Amino acid sequence: MTSPQTLARFSAKALLICVSLGLSGLALAGGQREEALAASVQASMQKAISDTASPEPIFASEDEKLRWLTEMSPRLVKRLPDTRDRVEFLKTVYYEAQRAGLDPQLVLGLIEVESAFRKYAVSSVGARGFMQVMPFWVKQIGTSEQNLFHLRTNLRYGCTILRHYLDIEKGDLYRALGRYNGSLGRPEYPNMVRAAWEKKWAYEKPKTQAAAPLTTTVAQR
């Protein structure tokens, strides 16, 4: 998984912009661009979307699972006031992020910026749900009956798409986030996600717990 420190190269000016805009009320529209997929890539993404395993996250221990949920849950109370819904949301985020080889805190930061945790958010270009997924993805890698406002479906697509962009960019998270938002090459969006990731969703694992191996690397700039 990628650590927040790998994004330190992003410009300080853009970071100040995102702070001045106020992350708590900000929701940006996902702007993934529809592009032709190689048959092998399409097949791989279709397989990733169609997996029906139960979304129960895997932690090093039950104590670590409880610790993570206990730390994350209070940060979401204002956005998701119902305790059961909040715990289900967090467990699904962890499961889908873990499944895609992403840091769950990164995914939470992305959702903070994209939709401000609004399940039924719709952007001006039609991106939908928590992770602001563009509907064309259902046509490309899914099935027509899939509902992008469904919690698990939306997170499954969002994490699969970000993983796809990371693979295209050979682990460069800065560029992958740009692709996800449709702003490739511009620093504002990656810095907003970084700020939410580091300032709102940072999580320090117990020192006794071994760190998971990195699944991506980010090119230094």
Foldseek 3Di string as FASTA:
>chain_A
DDDLVLPVQFDPVLLVVLVVVPLLPAAAAWDADDDDDDPVLLVVLLVLLPDDDDLAADDPDPVQVVVLCVVQQVLCCVPPVDPVVSSVLLSLLRSLCVVLQHDSLLLVLQLSNHPSQDLADADPQGQGGSNRHHVVVCVRRHDPPDDCSDRNSVSSVNSSQLSVLCVVVQQANQQSQCNRRVNGPDRNRVSSSSCSSPPRRDDDGDPVDDDDDHPGHHDRD
